Amino acid sequence: MPRPLRLRRVFVVAVSLVLAAGTARAEGSAPAAAPTPDPAADPAPAPVRAPSGSFDLSGGIYLFEYLPALKGVDPKLEIYAFLLNVDAATADKGYGLHVQTRARDSKLRSYFVSDVWFQEAYVWAKTPVGDVHAGKFYRKVGVLWDDSFFGNVQYFNGLKLNPDYGMELVGSRPLAPGFSLDYSAQYFANNDHVAGSLPGRDVESDPQASLRDTATARVVPTWSLGAGRSLALGLSGLAGHVERTGGPALPSFSLSQAAGDVTLTWGPTVSYVEVLRQNGIQPALSPDLRLGYLDGTYLLAGVRWQALPRLSLRINYSQVDYPGLRTTEVEWVPGAVVGLHDKLDLIVEYDGWKSEPRGGPDVFIDKSYDLVLHYSF
């Protein structure tokens, strides 16, 4: 049996057993058989009604002004995205769904199928070992996000905030006073061609390829260091397969990632650092030079400080070194978030993103000031 098919079967069987165990536990206290009703004693039984549950709507809108500091690049003002979240659950909170729909006037990336899309969409069920999700959700390798608006090198190469189709188990366990463990295990059948990655950078924009039979795992032990203080250490990894069906002479290949991260929360300040190693393909075998396919070592680090109740300051740094290209990409994103109202924020950021070849001059990929009005409901 090929390894990807065996991986898929093992994952599905494992999740099925977990769900079966949770159902058996819920049904264990029920009688083996209900008594036979007496029509004479109850001639008009009440109709059976589904239990009422919860249904919530939330969302927001982002008004984005892009002010480039590079010659030949035009400024723009646009509705970056309108978000609508739908969250529903049964009355006992045992099952539910989460859907985030996004929309804008034009496609976020040229390879998107539409200007309206599902960013996340999954059903969930609670089990004794964690929540099981089935549908579309983000890959969980390294820290989920750095809280910036503009993004980072990992995001533009398809490594962050990238949803795909599959199943996952996520959970958290207190193991001792002041010590807990968060964990997740994911299986993705295929990618969805939705991400923030730039066109030509990874599999999402590759019409001749798909990411198949991908698994991730993540564990995060966390220590409480007192009121408002904690230390979290994350270990995670990914193993998948990029299948090529045509186009340039690029073969199918395996893709793997291993990451370690540390997050320190100290009152109003959060600091983090993440190192991720990707094993993909060498540049000589990638004629179209998709940077998100290449071997690379990624670094992500930053600090956030809640300086005032309505003022948050932050600085984020990201980079990737491509050994086969002898090139490093570096991106700095300092910024501030000003709370104009409980539901309205002003985000101000600067993006300095450049390529640093070891045998040539640095080249800026982006240099811009970015203003965002964010209203949430």
Protein backbone atom coordinates (compact mmCIF):
# COMPACT_ATOMS: atom_id res chain seq x y z
CA MET A 1 0.00 0.00 0.00
CA PRO A 2 1.49 3.43 -0.92
CA ARG A 3 2.49 5.55 2.09
CA PRO A 4 0.06 8.49 1.41
CA LEU A 5 -2.94 6.16 1.10
CA ARG A 6 -1.94 4.29 4.26
CA LEU A 7 -1.51 7.62 6.10
CA ARG A 8 -4.98 8.73 5.05
CA ARG A 9 -6.58 5.43 6.10
CA VAL A 10 -4.86 5.39 9.50
CA PHE A 11 -5.91 8.99 10.20
CA VAL A 12 -9.56 8.42 9.23
CA VAL A 13 -9.78 5.21 11.28
CA ALA A 14 -8.26 6.94 14.31
CA VAL A 15 -10.71 9.85 14.15
CA SER A 16 -13.62 7.43 13.66
CA LEU A 17 -12.62 5.53 16.81
CA VAL A 18 -12.42 8.78 18.79
CA LEU A 19 -15.89 9.83 17.65
CA ALA A 20 -17.27 6.38 18.42
CA ALA A 21 -15.79 6.52 21.92
CA GLY A 22 -17.35 9.94 22.56
CA THR A 23 -20.75 8.75 21.34
CA ALA A 24 -20.60 5.60 23.44
CA ARG A 25 -19.76 7.64 26.52
CA ALA A 26 -22.72 9.96 25.88
CA GLU A 27 -25.08 7.03 25.39
CA GLY A 28 -23.77 4.90 28.28
CA SER A 29 -26.32 6.17 30.79
CA ALA A 30 -29.34 5.60 28.52
CA PRO A 31 -31.58 2.54 29.10
CA ALA A 32 -31.01 -0.41 26.81
CA ALA A 33 -34.58 -0.24 25.48
CA ALA A 34 -37.42 2.21 25.93
CA PRO A 35 -40.73 0.85 27.32
CA THR A 36 -43.48 0.18 24.80
CA PRO A 37 -45.93 3.11 24.83
CA ASP A 38 -49.56 2.49 25.74
CA PRO A 39 -51.77 4.23 23.11
CA ALA A 40 -54.69 4.32 25.54
CA ALA A 41 -52.67 6.05 28.25
CA ASP A 42 -51.27 8.68 25.88
CA PRO A 43 -53.55 9.05 22.87
CA ALA A 44 -51.95 12.29 21.66
CA PRO A 45 -48.19 12.27 22.32
CA ALA A 46 -46.39 15.58 22.00
CA PRO A 47 -44.46 16.00 18.71
CA VAL A 48 -40.73 15.43 18.87
CA ARG A 49 -38.82 18.70 18.52
CA ALA A 50 -35.13 19.26 17.85
CA PRO A 51 -33.35 20.84 20.83
CA SER A 52 -32.73 24.53 20.44
CA GLY A 53 -29.11 25.57 20.06
CA SER A 54 -27.12 28.72 19.50
CA PHE A 55 -26.61 30.74 16.33
CA ASP A 56 -24.26 33.71 16.20
CA LEU A 57 -23.21 36.16 13.50
CA SER A 58 -20.09 38.30 13.69
CA GLY A 59 -17.64 39.85 11.30
CA GLY A 60 -15.96 43.01 10.18
CA ILE A 61 -14.70 45.11 7.32
CA TYR A 62 -11.21 46.37 6.45
CA LEU A 63 -10.70 49.66 4.55
CA PHE A 64 -7.10 49.56 3.30
CA GLU A 65 -4.93 52.39 1.93
CA TYR A 66 -1.62 51.32 0.41
CA LEU A 67 1.00 54.07 0.12
CA PRO A 68 4.11 52.73 -1.67
CA ALA A 69 7.53 54.30 -1.30
CA LEU A 70 8.92 52.65 -4.44
CA LYS A 71 9.07 54.32 -7.86
CA GLY A 72 6.61 53.02 -10.41
CA VAL A 73 4.22 51.55 -7.86
CA ASP A 74 0.80 53.20 -7.60
CA PRO A 75 -1.04 53.85 -4.32
CA LYS A 76 -4.51 52.41 -3.86
CA LEU A 77 -7.51 52.60 -1.57
CA GLU A 78 -9.82 49.60 -1.39
CA ILE A 79 -12.12 47.45 0.69
CA TYR A 80 -9.58 44.79 1.55
CA ALA A 81 -12.20 42.34 2.79
CA PHE A 82 -15.62 41.96 4.33
CA LEU A 83 -15.80 39.06 6.80
CA LEU A 84 -18.92 37.26 7.97
CA ASN A 85 -18.65 34.55 10.63
CA VAL A 86 -21.44 32.05 11.26
CA ASP A 87 -21.17 29.97 14.45
CA ALA A 88 -23.80 27.48 15.51
CA ALA A 89 -23.96 24.77 18.16
CA THR A 90 -26.42 22.29 19.58
CA ALA A 91 -28.02 23.05 22.95
CA ASP A 92 -25.58 20.74 24.75
CA LYS A 93 -22.60 22.36 22.94
CA GLY A 94 -21.54 18.93 21.73
CA TYR A 95 -21.69 19.64 18.00
CA GLY A 96 -21.57 22.72 15.83
CA LEU A 97 -20.17 24.52 12.84
CA HIS A 98 -18.00 27.50 12.04
CA VAL A 99 -17.96 29.31 8.68
CA GLN A 100 -16.03 32.44 7.74
CA THR A 101 -16.99 33.92 4.37
CA ARG A 102 -14.94 36.72 2.85
CA ALA A 103 -15.78 39.06 -0.01
CA ARG A 104 -14.25 42.03 -1.82
CA ASP A 105 -14.67 43.99 -5.09
CA SER A 106 -11.88 42.09 -6.85
CA LYS A 107 -9.95 38.86 -6.34
CA LEU A 108 -7.50 38.98 -3.43
CA ARG A 109 -5.02 37.04 -5.58
CA SER A 110 -5.19 36.43 -9.32
CA TYR A 111 -5.41 32.65 -8.86
CA PHE A 112 -8.59 32.84 -6.71
CA VAL A 113 -11.68 31.37 -8.36
CA SER A 114 -13.93 34.19 -7.13
CA ASP A 115 -13.99 37.43 -5.15
CA VAL A 116 -16.24 35.65 -2.61
CA TRP A 117 -14.80 32.62 -0.85
CA PHE A 118 -14.80 30.48 2.29
CA GLN A 119 -11.74 31.20 4.41
CA GLU A 120 -12.80 28.56 6.94
CA ALA A 121 -15.77 26.19 6.95
CA TYR A 122 -16.00 23.15 9.20
CA VAL A 123 -18.30 21.14 11.44
CA TRP A 124 -17.05 20.15 14.88
CA ALA A 125 -17.77 17.66 17.61
CA LYS A 126 -16.51 17.51 21.19
CA THR A 127 -14.92 14.26 22.35
CA PRO A 128 -13.17 13.22 25.57
CA VAL A 129 -9.76 13.86 23.96
CA GLY A 130 -10.48 17.13 22.17
CA ASP A 131 -12.53 18.77 19.43
CA VAL A 132 -12.74 17.08 16.03
CA HIS A 133 -13.13 19.38 13.01
CA ALA A 134 -13.99 18.31 9.47
CA GLY A 135 -13.95 20.70 6.55
CA LYS A 136 -11.65 23.62 5.79
CA PHE A 137 -9.29 25.19 8.33
CA TYR A 138 -5.75 26.57 8.74
CA ARG A 139 -2.65 24.42 8.81
CA LYS A 140 -1.08 24.51 12.28
CA VAL A 141 2.71 24.59 11.97
CA GLY A 142 4.52 27.07 14.21
CA VAL A 143 2.72 30.06 15.72
CA LEU A 144 -0.53 30.75 13.91
CA TRP A 145 0.05 34.48 13.27
CA ASP A 146 2.10 37.51 14.32
CA ASP A 147 -0.95 39.86 14.59
CA SER A 148 0.29 42.13 11.78
CA PHE A 149 -2.01 43.27 8.99
CA PHE A 150 0.44 43.33 6.10
CA GLY A 151 1.99 39.93 6.76
CA ASN A 152 5.40 38.26 6.67
CA VAL A 153 7.63 36.24 4.36
CA GLN A 154 6.07 32.98 5.58
CA TYR A 155 2.58 34.26 4.66
CA PHE A 156 3.65 35.30 1.15
CA ASN A 157 5.22 31.85 0.59
CA GLY A 158 2.07 30.02 1.75
CA LEU A 159 3.25 28.90 5.21
CA LYS A 160 0.88 31.01 7.34
CA LEU A 161 -2.92 31.46 7.38
CA ASN A 162 -3.28 28.87 4.63
CA PRO A 163 -6.53 26.84 4.85
CA ASP A 164 -7.00 23.42 3.24
CA TYR A 165 -9.54 20.56 3.30
CA GLY A 166 -9.32 17.77 5.85
CA MET A 167 -9.88 16.66 9.44
CA GLU A 168 -8.18 17.66 12.68
CA LEU A 169 -8.14 17.02 16.40
CA VAL A 170 -7.37 19.97 18.69
CA GLY A 171 -7.29 19.94 22.47
CA SER A 172 -5.85 21.32 25.69
CA ARG A 173 -5.16 19.55 28.99
CA PRO A 174 -4.16 20.88 32.42
CA LEU A 175 -1.50 18.42 33.60
CA ALA A 176 -0.43 20.03 36.87
CA PRO A 177 -0.96 23.28 38.77
CA GLY A 178 0.38 26.01 36.52
CA PHE A 179 1.16 23.61 33.66
CA SER A 180 -0.96 22.67 30.62
CA LEU A 181 -0.53 21.08 27.20
CA ASP A 182 -2.15 22.22 23.93
CA TYR A 183 -2.03 19.83 20.99
CA SER A 184 -3.32 19.26 17.48
CA ALA A 185 -3.14 16.61 14.75
CA GLN A 186 -4.31 17.34 11.21
CA TYR A 187 -4.80 15.46 7.96
CA PHE A 188 -5.42 17.32 4.67
CA ALA A 189 -6.65 15.45 1.61
CA ASN A 190 -5.86 18.33 -0.76
CA ASN A 191 -5.31 22.09 -0.90
CA ASP A 192 -7.96 24.63 -1.90
CA HIS A 193 -6.16 27.31 -3.98
CA VAL A 194 -7.01 29.92 -1.34
CA ALA A 195 -4.21 31.67 0.59
CA GLY A 196 -2.39 34.96 0.97
CA SER A 197 0.66 33.66 -0.89
CA LEU A 198 1.76 35.69 -3.89
CA PRO A 199 1.10 34.30 -7.39
CA GLY A 200 3.92 32.07 -8.55
CA ARG A 201 5.22 31.36 -5.03
CA ASP A 202 3.60 28.07 -3.95
CA VAL A 203 1.15 25.30 -4.77
CA GLU A 204 -1.96 27.46 -4.29
CA SER A 205 -1.23 29.39 -7.51
CA ASP A 206 0.16 26.41 -9.43
CA PRO A 207 -2.53 25.21 -11.89
CA GLN A 208 -0.54 22.04 -12.61
CA ALA A 209 -0.09 20.90 -9.01
CA SER A 210 -1.90 20.03 -5.79
CA LEU A 211 -0.78 19.34 -2.22
CA ARG A 212 -1.96 15.84 -1.29
CA ASP A 213 -2.13 13.63 1.80
CA THR A 214 -0.57 16.13 4.18
CA ALA A 215 -0.32 15.62 7.93
CA THR A 216 0.68 18.05 10.68
CA ALA A 217 1.19 17.67 14.42
CA ARG A 218 1.79 20.30 17.11
CA VAL A 219 2.30 20.25 20.90
CA VAL A 220 2.63 23.33 23.12
CA PRO A 221 3.48 22.84 26.81
CA THR A 222 2.72 26.07 28.71
CA TRP A 223 3.87 27.15 32.17
CA SER A 224 2.07 29.81 34.20
CA LEU A 225 4.59 32.17 35.83
CA GLY A 226 2.07 34.19 37.84
CA ALA A 227 -0.78 36.56 37.08
CA GLY A 228 -0.62 37.54 33.41
CA ARG A 229 2.68 35.71 32.86
CA SER A 230 3.34 32.52 30.94
CA LEU A 231 5.93 30.67 28.88
CA ALA A 232 4.91 28.44 25.96
CA LEU A 233 7.19 26.15 23.95
CA GLY A 234 5.86 24.85 20.64
CA LEU A 235 7.04 21.92 18.53
CA SER A 236 5.36 21.11 15.22
CA GLY A 237 5.89 19.48 11.87
CA LEU A 238 4.35 18.79 8.47
CA ALA A 239 4.72 16.01 5.90
CA GLY A 240 3.01 16.16 2.52
CA HIS A 241 3.35 15.55 -1.20
CA VAL A 242 3.12 18.01 -4.11
CA GLU A 243 1.74 16.18 -7.15
CA ARG A 244 2.48 17.69 -10.54
CA THR A 245 0.25 16.86 -13.52
CA GLY A 246 1.86 18.89 -16.32
CA GLY A 247 3.38 22.21 -17.22
CA PRO A 248 7.12 22.84 -16.82
CA ALA A 249 9.46 19.90 -16.32
CA LEU A 250 9.06 19.84 -12.55
CA PRO A 251 8.51 16.43 -10.97
CA SER A 252 6.23 15.59 -8.06
CA PHE A 253 8.07 15.83 -4.75
CA SER A 254 7.71 15.46 -0.99
CA LEU A 255 7.39 18.53 1.23
CA SER A 256 8.26 18.54 4.94
CA GLN A 257 8.56 21.17 7.67
CA ALA A 258 9.82 21.13 11.25
CA ALA A 259 9.35 24.13 13.57
CA GLY A 260 10.11 25.22 17.11
CA ASP A 261 8.75 28.36 18.76
CA VAL A 262 8.80 30.15 22.12
CA THR A 263 6.21 32.68 23.33
CA LEU A 264 6.69 34.69 26.52
CA THR A 265 3.75 36.66 27.91
CA TRP A 266 4.68 39.17 30.62
CA GLY A 267 1.77 41.38 31.55
CA PRO A 268 1.03 43.72 28.63
CA THR A 269 3.99 42.44 26.57
CA VAL A 270 4.09 39.36 24.33
CA SER A 271 7.39 38.25 22.74
CA TYR A 272 7.87 35.31 20.41
CA VAL A 273 10.39 33.66 18.11
CA GLU A 274 9.93 30.80 15.64
CA VAL A 275 12.42 28.84 13.53
CA LEU A 276 11.10 26.62 10.73
CA ARG A 277 13.05 24.40 8.37
CA GLN A 278 11.43 23.36 5.08
CA ASN A 279 12.68 20.53 2.88
CA GLY A 280 11.21 20.86 -0.57
CA ILE A 281 13.02 20.89 -3.89
CA GLN A 282 16.27 22.30 -5.22
CA PRO A 283 16.23 25.31 -7.61
CA ALA A 284 17.78 23.23 -10.41
CA LEU A 285 14.62 21.09 -10.46
CA SER A 286 12.25 24.07 -10.30
CA PRO A 287 12.34 25.84 -13.66
CA ASP A 288 9.58 28.28 -12.66
CA LEU A 289 11.39 29.03 -9.36
CA ARG A 290 8.44 28.88 -6.98
CA LEU A 291 10.10 30.11 -3.82
CA GLY A 292 7.58 28.36 -1.57
CA TYR A 293 8.68 25.00 -3.04
CA LEU A 294 12.36 25.44 -2.21
CA ASP A 295 14.46 24.23 0.69
CA GLY A 296 14.67 27.07 3.18
CA THR A 297 15.17 28.11 6.78
CA TYR A 298 12.54 30.56 8.06
CA LEU A 299 12.71 32.88 11.05
CA LEU A 300 9.82 34.81 12.60
CA ALA A 301 10.13 37.04 15.68
CA GLY A 302 8.34 39.96 17.25
CA VAL A 303 7.16 41.90 20.28
CA ARG A 304 3.68 43.30 21.05
CA TRP A 305 3.10 45.84 23.83
CA GLN A 306 -0.28 47.05 25.06
CA ALA A 307 1.05 50.50 25.98
CA LEU A 308 -2.36 52.03 26.78
CA PRO A 309 -5.90 50.64 26.90
CA ARG A 310 -6.45 51.90 23.34
CA LEU A 311 -2.88 51.80 22.01
CA SER A 312 -0.92 48.69 21.03
CA LEU A 313 2.61 48.86 19.60
CA ARG A 314 4.41 46.03 17.83
CA ILE A 315 7.32 45.14 15.62
CA ASN A 316 7.58 41.94 13.58
CA TYR A 317 10.55 40.53 11.72
CA SER A 318 10.61 37.64 9.26
CA GLN A 319 13.15 36.13 6.92
CA VAL A 320 13.87 33.07 4.81
CA ASP A 321 17.25 31.85 3.61
CA TYR A 322 17.27 29.86 0.35
CA PRO A 323 20.60 27.95 0.38
CA GLY A 324 20.20 26.79 -3.22
CA LEU A 325 19.80 30.39 -4.43
CA ARG A 326 22.32 31.89 -2.00
CA THR A 327 19.66 34.51 -1.24
CA THR A 328 17.86 35.75 1.86
CA GLU A 329 14.53 37.58 2.00
CA VAL A 330 14.05 39.92 4.95
CA GLU A 331 10.90 41.79 6.05
CA TRP A 332 10.37 44.34 8.85
CA VAL A 333 6.82 45.37 9.82
CA PRO A 334 6.59 47.85 12.73
CA GLY A 335 3.10 49.08 13.51
CA ALA A 336 0.55 50.48 15.93
CA VAL A 337 -3.13 49.84 16.59
CA VAL A 338 -5.22 52.75 17.90
CA GLY A 339 -8.64 51.97 19.33
CA LEU A 340 -10.94 54.73 18.08
CA HIS A 341 -14.00 52.98 19.51
CA ASP A 342 -14.85 49.63 21.04
CA LYS A 343 -15.60 48.37 17.52
CA LEU A 344 -13.33 50.59 15.40
CA ASP A 345 -9.51 50.39 15.14
CA LEU A 346 -6.94 52.30 13.12
CA ILE A 347 -3.93 50.19 12.09
CA VAL A 348 -0.75 51.93 10.95
CA GLU A 349 2.15 49.86 9.60
CA TYR A 350 5.34 50.21 7.60
CA ASP A 351 6.54 47.35 5.39
CA GLY A 352 10.19 47.03 4.39
CA TRP A 353 10.70 43.82 2.40
CA LYS A 354 13.80 43.10 0.35
CA SER A 355 15.81 40.33 -1.25
CA GLU A 356 19.50 40.10 -0.29
CA PRO A 357 21.49 38.00 -2.81
CA ARG A 358 24.92 37.07 -1.52
CA GLY A 359 26.52 37.92 -4.85
CA GLY A 360 24.64 41.07 -5.77
CA PRO A 361 22.88 44.24 -4.59
CA ASP A 362 19.81 44.20 -2.33
CA VAL A 363 16.46 44.60 -4.11
CA PHE A 364 13.31 45.89 -2.42
CA ILE A 365 10.24 43.76 -3.05
CA ASP A 366 7.99 46.18 -1.17
CA LYS A 367 8.44 49.42 0.72
CA SER A 368 5.18 50.99 1.83
CA TYR A 369 3.11 52.71 4.50
CA ASP A 370 -0.22 50.99 5.16
CA LEU A 371 -3.32 52.46 6.81
CA VAL A 372 -6.28 50.28 7.76
CA LEU A 373 -9.65 51.10 9.32
CA HIS A 374 -11.12 47.97 10.85
CA TYR A 375 -14.74 47.84 12.04
CA SER A 376 -15.95 44.70 13.77
CA PHE A 377 -19.40 43.57 14.86
